[in-house]
Amino acid sequence: MDSWVSLNAVAQSIITEQKGSVFGYYVYSPDSFAYQQRYAMIYAFHAAHAQAFEYVKKPTTYVVASPPPAGQPFMSQELVD
């Protein structure tokens, strides 16, 4: 799920959809720092010369979120009783 191949595919789909327009993006991962996801997005957007702004809200803003790890109910967005 968080491989460079899948993260690059996410970045490429955003780049294609934006067609050179300015956009913001946020990267979230349950590991709290999201280094792998963050660096993959930075690399892909920089290589494509995309007008991407990390952690900046723009009229078009993407949230790139990794799912919580299996068996960790307290790291999920779901409410637990």
C-alpha atoms as a PDB file:
ATOM      1  CA  MET A   1       0.000   0.000   0.000  1.00  0.00           C
ATOM      2  CA  ASP A   2       2.770   2.460   0.876  1.00  0.00           C
ATOM      3  CA  SER A   3       5.288   1.327  -1.714  1.00  0.00           C
ATOM      4  CA  TRP A   4       7.022   3.884  -3.897  1.00  0.00           C
ATOM      5  CA  VAL A   5       5.209   2.394  -6.897  1.00  0.00           C
ATOM      6  CA  SER A   6       1.750   2.962  -5.415  1.00  0.00           C
ATOM      7  CA  LEU A   7       2.675   6.395  -4.011  1.00  0.00           C
ATOM      8  CA  ASN A   8       4.061   7.427  -7.399  1.00  0.00           C
ATOM      9  CA  ALA A   9       0.820   6.258  -9.021  1.00  0.00           C
ATOM     10  CA  VAL A  10      -1.143   8.484  -6.619  1.00  0.00           C
ATOM     11  CA  ALA A  11       1.118  11.446  -7.374  1.00  0.00           C
ATOM     12  CA  GLN A  12       0.896  10.873 -11.135  1.00  0.00           C
ATOM     13  CA  SER A  13      -2.901  10.743 -11.025  1.00  0.00           C
ATOM     14  CA  ILE A  14      -2.943  14.072  -9.145  1.00  0.00           C
ATOM     15  CA  ILE A  15      -0.506  15.623 -11.634  1.00  0.00           C
ATOM     16  CA  THR A  16      -2.616  14.413 -14.572  1.00  0.00           C
ATOM     17  CA  GLU A  17      -5.836  15.681 -12.999  1.00  0.00           C
ATOM     18  CA  GLN A  18      -4.382  19.112 -12.204  1.00  0.00           C
ATOM     19  CA  LYS A  19      -2.965  19.745 -15.704  1.00  0.00           C
ATOM     20  CA  GLY A  20      -0.444  22.303 -14.442  1.00  0.00           C
ATOM     21  CA  SER A  21      -2.794  24.091 -12.028  1.00  0.00           C
ATOM     22  CA  VAL A  22      -1.794  25.059  -8.507  1.00  0.00           C
ATOM     23  CA  PHE A  23      -2.857  22.684  -5.726  1.00  0.00           C
ATOM     24  CA  GLY A  24      -2.181  21.971  -2.093  1.00  0.00           C
ATOM     25  CA  TYR A  25      -1.769  18.620  -0.438  1.00  0.00           C
ATOM     26  CA  TYR A  26      -1.570  17.053   2.993  1.00  0.00           C
ATOM     27  CA  VAL A  27       0.056  13.713   3.701  1.00  0.00           C
ATOM     28  CA  TYR A  28      -1.210  11.628   6.632  1.00  0.00           C
ATOM     29  CA  SER A  29       0.033   8.313   7.917  1.00  0.00           C
ATOM     30  CA  PRO A  30      -0.571   6.548  11.229  1.00  0.00           C
ATOM     31  CA  ASP A  31       3.209   6.532  11.813  1.00  0.00           C
ATOM     32  CA  SER A  32       2.711  10.265  12.626  1.00  0.00           C
ATOM     33  CA  PHE A  33       5.580  11.566  10.513  1.00  0.00           C
ATOM     34  CA  ALA A  34       4.698   9.998   7.149  1.00  0.00           C
ATOM     35  CA  TYR A  35       8.279  10.279   5.934  1.00  0.00           C
ATOM     36  CA  GLN A  36       8.006   7.678   3.184  1.00  0.00           C
ATOM     37  CA  GLN A  37       4.729   9.049   1.836  1.00  0.00           C
ATOM     38  CA  ARG A  38       5.896  12.652   2.154  1.00  0.00           C
ATOM     39  CA  TYR A  39       9.177  12.126   0.330  1.00  0.00           C
ATOM     40  CA  ALA A  40       7.489  10.169  -2.447  1.00  0.00           C
ATOM     41  CA  MET A  41       5.060  13.051  -3.054  1.00  0.00           C
ATOM     42  CA  ILE A  42       7.807  15.694  -2.869  1.00  0.00           C
ATOM     43  CA  TYR A  43       9.960  13.761  -5.335  1.00  0.00           C
ATOM     44  CA  ALA A  44       7.148  13.087  -7.824  1.00  0.00           C
ATOM     45  CA  PHE A  45       5.784  16.641  -7.759  1.00  0.00           C
ATOM     46  CA  HIS A  46       9.256  18.176  -8.024  1.00  0.00           C
ATOM     47  CA  ALA A  47      10.238  15.871 -10.912  1.00  0.00           C
ATOM     48  CA  ALA A  48       7.044  16.823 -12.779  1.00  0.00           C
ATOM     49  CA  HIS A  49       7.489  20.554 -12.033  1.00  0.00           C
ATOM     50  CA  ALA A  50       4.002  20.530 -10.529  1.00  0.00           C
ATOM     51  CA  GLN A  51       2.751  23.625  -8.735  1.00  0.00           C
ATOM     52  CA  ALA A  52       2.247  21.670  -5.513  1.00  0.00           C
ATOM     53  CA  PHE A  53       2.219  23.182  -2.043  1.00  0.00           C
ATOM     54  CA  GLU A  54       2.748  20.777   0.839  1.00  0.00           C
ATOM     55  CA  TYR A  55       0.564  21.394   3.900  1.00  0.00           C
ATOM     56  CA  VAL A  56      -0.995  24.487   2.308  1.00  0.00           C
ATOM     57  CA  LYS A  57      -4.717  24.792   1.720  1.00  0.00           C
ATOM     58  CA  LYS A  58      -5.474  25.895  -1.844  1.00  0.00           C
ATOM     59  CA  PRO A  59      -8.779  25.956  -3.775  1.00  0.00           C
ATOM     60  CA  THR A  60      -7.892  22.382  -4.780  1.00  0.00           C
ATOM     61  CA  THR A  61      -6.330  20.458  -1.907  1.00  0.00           C
ATOM     62  CA  TYR A  62      -5.636  16.728  -1.745  1.00  0.00           C
ATOM     63  CA  VAL A  63      -5.373  14.575   1.355  1.00  0.00           C
ATOM     64  CA  VAL A  64      -3.075  11.615   0.789  1.00  0.00           C
ATOM     65  CA  ALA A  65      -3.869   9.279   3.684  1.00  0.00           C
ATOM     66  CA  SER A  66      -2.548   5.844   4.491  1.00  0.00           C
ATOM     67  CA  PRO A  67      -4.909   3.361   6.112  1.00  0.00           C
ATOM     68  CA  PRO A  68      -4.310   2.406   9.740  1.00  0.00           C
ATOM     69  CA  PRO A  69      -2.393  -0.803  10.388  1.00  0.00           C
ATOM     70  CA  ALA A  70      -4.458  -3.956  10.807  1.00  0.00           C
ATOM     71  CA  GLY A  71      -5.307  -4.866  14.374  1.00  0.00           C
ATOM     72  CA  GLN A  72      -4.852  -1.322  15.682  1.00  0.00           C
ATOM     73  CA  PRO A  73      -8.401  -0.081  16.333  1.00  0.00           C
ATOM     74  CA  PHE A  74      -7.222   3.044  18.159  1.00  0.00           C
ATOM     75  CA  MET A  75      -5.380   4.320  15.071  1.00  0.00           C
ATOM     76  CA  SER A  76      -8.519   4.163  12.941  1.00  0.00           C
ATOM     77  CA  GLN A  77     -10.997   6.894  12.152  1.00  0.00           C
ATOM     78  CA  GLU A  78     -13.743   4.500  13.280  1.00  0.00           C
ATOM     79  CA  LEU A  79     -15.307   4.943  16.692  1.00  0.00           C
ATOM     80  CA  VAL A  80     -14.598   2.095  19.105  1.00  0.00           C
ATOM     81  CA  ASP A  81     -17.000   1.243  21.943  1.00  0.00           C
END
